[in-house]
Amino acid sequence: MPAVGSSGSVATTSATRRRPPSSRPARGDARPARRGRRGGGTEQAWLSRQLEAAARAKETLTVTVRMPNGETADYLLAPASVANGRLRARDRKSDIERTLPVSAIAAVAPAPADALGD
């Protein structure tokens, strides 16, 4: 309820609580948001679009994947879909379905013509 002063003016009180000034970050301290572990948000978005286009066109690709031990491995894959940062694809050599994180993909190239023995 607003308080009425002796001169008839109305004073209001705020119901919201404010933080003490010391707990607020200084203006220059704000850091930009990070885009993943390696900072390659734009590169991953481009790669996702390329993989989605290959899935729509039913193309087979050679996908180079970074393994946890630091080595790379090449897979002959037919992409099925890309969702939530993961590629779902059919491995053409071992005839299994693989799900790979897009962040682990180092390179994508068209499959060699001699590898497509369909």
C-alpha atoms as a PDB file:
ATOM      1  CA  MET A   1       0.000   0.000   0.000  1.00  0.00           C
ATOM      2  CA  PRO A   2       1.447   3.402  -0.914  1.00  0.00           C
ATOM      3  CA  ALA A   3       2.340   5.736   1.899  1.00  0.00           C
ATOM      4  CA  VAL A   4       0.849   9.225   1.859  1.00  0.00           C
ATOM      5  CA  GLY A   5       3.094  12.028   3.072  1.00  0.00           C
ATOM      6  CA  SER A   6       1.969  15.105   5.044  1.00  0.00           C
ATOM      7  CA  SER A   7       1.908  17.222   1.874  1.00  0.00           C
ATOM      8  CA  GLY A   8      -0.395  14.730   0.128  1.00  0.00           C
ATOM      9  CA  SER A   9       2.307  13.208  -2.095  1.00  0.00           C
ATOM     10  CA  VAL A  10       2.305   9.471  -2.609  1.00  0.00           C
ATOM     11  CA  ALA A  11       5.472   7.448  -2.023  1.00  0.00           C
ATOM     12  CA  THR A  12       5.663   3.920  -3.397  1.00  0.00           C
ATOM     13  CA  THR A  13       7.900   1.102  -2.346  1.00  0.00           C
ATOM     14  CA  SER A  14       9.294  -1.466  -4.730  1.00  0.00           C
ATOM     15  CA  ALA A  15       8.496  -5.118  -4.136  1.00  0.00           C
ATOM     16  CA  THR A  16      11.507  -6.325  -6.111  1.00  0.00           C
ATOM     17  CA  ARG A  17      14.811  -7.047  -4.455  1.00  0.00           C
ATOM     18  CA  ARG A  18      18.005  -5.698  -5.889  1.00  0.00           C
ATOM     19  CA  ARG A  19      21.431  -7.261  -5.677  1.00  0.00           C
ATOM     20  CA  PRO A  20      24.139  -5.359  -3.892  1.00  0.00           C
ATOM     21  CA  PRO A  21      26.362  -3.549  -6.413  1.00  0.00           C
ATOM     22  CA  SER A  22      29.365  -5.710  -5.513  1.00  0.00           C
ATOM     23  CA  SER A  23      27.704  -8.895  -6.843  1.00  0.00           C
ATOM     24  CA  ARG A  24      27.067  -7.488 -10.328  1.00  0.00           C
ATOM     25  CA  PRO A  25      29.693  -8.132 -13.003  1.00  0.00           C
ATOM     26  CA  ALA A  26      31.503  -5.084 -14.312  1.00  0.00           C
ATOM     27  CA  ARG A  27      30.547  -3.987 -17.834  1.00  0.00           C
ATOM     28  CA  GLY A  28      33.865  -5.062 -19.351  1.00  0.00           C
ATOM     29  CA  ASP A  29      33.795  -8.498 -17.697  1.00  0.00           C
ATOM     30  CA  ALA A  30      31.103 -10.029 -19.914  1.00  0.00           C
ATOM     31  CA  ARG A  31      32.527 -12.877 -21.988  1.00  0.00           C
ATOM     32  CA  PRO A  32      31.065 -14.005 -25.305  1.00  0.00           C
ATOM     33  CA  ALA A  33      29.234 -17.321 -25.318  1.00  0.00           C
ATOM     34  CA  ARG A  34      31.385 -20.285 -26.328  1.00  0.00           C
ATOM     35  CA  ARG A  35      30.366 -22.354 -29.342  1.00  0.00           C
ATOM     36  CA  GLY A  36      31.332 -25.867 -28.417  1.00  0.00           C
ATOM     37  CA  ARG A  37      34.627 -27.215 -27.206  1.00  0.00           C
ATOM     38  CA  ARG A  38      36.663 -26.138 -30.195  1.00  0.00           C
ATOM     39  CA  GLY A  39      34.881 -22.890 -31.015  1.00  0.00           C
ATOM     40  CA  GLY A  40      33.922 -24.133 -34.498  1.00  0.00           C
ATOM     41  CA  GLY A  41      30.208 -23.306 -34.421  1.00  0.00           C
ATOM     42  CA  THR A  42      30.193 -21.952 -37.973  1.00  0.00           C
ATOM     43  CA  GLU A  43      32.275 -24.837 -39.306  1.00  0.00           C
ATOM     44  CA  GLN A  44      30.004 -27.417 -37.662  1.00  0.00           C
ATOM     45  CA  ALA A  45      26.900 -25.716 -39.078  1.00  0.00           C
ATOM     46  CA  TRP A  46      28.427 -25.802 -42.577  1.00  0.00           C
ATOM     47  CA  LEU A  47      29.371 -29.459 -42.156  1.00  0.00           C
ATOM     48  CA  SER A  48      25.859 -30.325 -40.937  1.00  0.00           C
ATOM     49  CA  ARG A  49      24.344 -28.673 -44.030  1.00  0.00           C
ATOM     50  CA  GLN A  50      26.698 -30.613 -46.311  1.00  0.00           C
ATOM     51  CA  LEU A  51      25.800 -33.899 -44.621  1.00  0.00           C
ATOM     52  CA  GLU A  52      22.065 -33.120 -44.791  1.00  0.00           C
ATOM     53  CA  ALA A  53      22.378 -32.378 -48.527  1.00  0.00           C
ATOM     54  CA  ALA A  54      24.203 -35.677 -49.069  1.00  0.00           C
ATOM     55  CA  ALA A  55      21.469 -37.530 -47.159  1.00  0.00           C
ATOM     56  CA  ARG A  56      18.742 -35.945 -49.322  1.00  0.00           C
ATOM     57  CA  ALA A  57      20.655 -36.792 -52.513  1.00  0.00           C
ATOM     58  CA  LYS A  58      21.412 -40.324 -51.229  1.00  0.00           C
ATOM     59  CA  GLU A  59      25.136 -39.833 -51.901  1.00  0.00           C
ATOM     60  CA  THR A  60      27.935 -41.899 -50.410  1.00  0.00           C
ATOM     61  CA  LEU A  61      30.798 -40.000 -48.784  1.00  0.00           C
ATOM     62  CA  THR A  62      34.229 -40.654 -47.353  1.00  0.00           C
ATOM     63  CA  VAL A  63      34.053 -39.240 -43.818  1.00  0.00           C
ATOM     64  CA  THR A  64      37.252 -38.714 -41.808  1.00  0.00           C
ATOM     65  CA  VAL A  65      36.596 -38.989 -38.063  1.00  0.00           C
ATOM     66  CA  ARG A  66      38.871 -37.877 -35.200  1.00  0.00           C
ATOM     67  CA  MET A  67      39.158 -40.747 -32.732  1.00  0.00           C
ATOM     68  CA  PRO A  68      39.570 -40.204 -28.956  1.00  0.00           C
ATOM     69  CA  ASN A  69      43.242 -41.277 -29.094  1.00  0.00           C
ATOM     70  CA  GLY A  70      44.016 -38.491 -31.615  1.00  0.00           C
ATOM     71  CA  GLU A  71      44.183 -40.665 -34.733  1.00  0.00           C
ATOM     72  CA  THR A  72      41.806 -40.346 -37.662  1.00  0.00           C
ATOM     73  CA  ALA A  73      39.737 -43.033 -39.359  1.00  0.00           C
ATOM     74  CA  ASP A  74      38.084 -42.960 -42.787  1.00  0.00           C
ATOM     75  CA  TYR A  75      34.607 -44.433 -43.238  1.00  0.00           C
ATOM     76  CA  LEU A  76      32.628 -44.941 -46.426  1.00  0.00           C
ATOM     77  CA  LEU A  77      29.189 -43.698 -45.303  1.00  0.00           C
ATOM     78  CA  ALA A  78      25.763 -43.122 -46.795  1.00  0.00           C
ATOM     79  CA  PRO A  79      24.266 -40.378 -44.566  1.00  0.00           C
ATOM     80  CA  ALA A  80      20.684 -40.970 -43.405  1.00  0.00           C
ATOM     81  CA  SER A  81      20.126 -37.904 -41.195  1.00  0.00           C
ATOM     82  CA  VAL A  82      21.747 -35.188 -39.107  1.00  0.00           C
ATOM     83  CA  ALA A  83      20.069 -34.195 -35.842  1.00  0.00           C
ATOM     84  CA  ASN A  84      21.165 -32.887 -32.443  1.00  0.00           C
ATOM     85  CA  GLY A  85      24.801 -32.672 -33.514  1.00  0.00           C
ATOM     86  CA  ARG A  86      24.959 -36.310 -34.622  1.00  0.00           C
ATOM     87  CA  LEU A  87      25.266 -37.973 -38.013  1.00  0.00           C
ATOM     88  CA  ARG A  88      23.373 -41.210 -38.564  1.00  0.00           C
ATOM     89  CA  ALA A  89      24.727 -43.090 -41.574  1.00  0.00           C
ATOM     90  CA  ARG A  90      25.093 -46.539 -43.128  1.00  0.00           C
ATOM     91  CA  ASP A  91      28.668 -47.818 -43.276  1.00  0.00           C
ATOM     92  CA  ARG A  92      28.965 -49.225 -46.818  1.00  0.00           C
ATOM     93  CA  LYS A  93      31.988 -51.465 -46.093  1.00  0.00           C
ATOM     94  CA  SER A  94      30.823 -53.200 -42.915  1.00  0.00           C
ATOM     95  CA  ASP A  95      27.073 -52.855 -43.633  1.00  0.00           C
ATOM     96  CA  ILE A  96      26.154 -51.422 -40.227  1.00  0.00           C
ATOM     97  CA  GLU A  97      24.581 -48.166 -39.105  1.00  0.00           C
ATOM     98  CA  ARG A  98      26.893 -45.705 -37.363  1.00  0.00           C
ATOM     99  CA  THR A  99      26.045 -42.669 -35.268  1.00  0.00           C
ATOM    100  CA  LEU A 100      28.860 -40.124 -35.057  1.00  0.00           C
ATOM    101  CA  PRO A 101      29.079 -36.739 -33.333  1.00  0.00           C
ATOM    102  CA  VAL A 102      29.457 -33.984 -35.949  1.00  0.00           C
ATOM    103  CA  SER A 103      32.132 -32.396 -33.729  1.00  0.00           C
ATOM    104  CA  ALA A 104      34.337 -35.492 -34.287  1.00  0.00           C
ATOM    105  CA  ILE A 105      34.203 -35.243 -38.095  1.00  0.00           C
ATOM    106  CA  ALA A 106      37.446 -33.831 -39.472  1.00  0.00           C
ATOM    107  CA  ALA A 107      36.700 -33.964 -43.214  1.00  0.00           C
ATOM    108  CA  VAL A 108      34.110 -35.000 -45.784  1.00  0.00           C
ATOM    109  CA  ALA A 109      34.781 -35.908 -49.421  1.00  0.00           C
ATOM    110  CA  PRO A 110      32.857 -37.605 -52.232  1.00  0.00           C
ATOM    111  CA  ALA A 111      33.358 -41.353 -52.252  1.00  0.00           C
ATOM    112  CA  PRO A 112      35.782 -42.695 -54.865  1.00  0.00           C
ATOM    113  CA  ALA A 113      34.020 -44.234 -57.867  1.00  0.00           C
ATOM    114  CA  ASP A 114      35.765 -47.592 -57.403  1.00  0.00           C
ATOM    115  CA  ALA A 115      34.428 -47.866 -53.808  1.00  0.00           C
ATOM    116  CA  LEU A 116      30.815 -47.736 -54.985  1.00  0.00           C
ATOM    117  CA  GLY A 117      30.562 -51.297 -56.228  1.00  0.00           C
ATOM    118  CA  ASP A 118      26.723 -51.347 -56.096  1.00  0.00           C
END
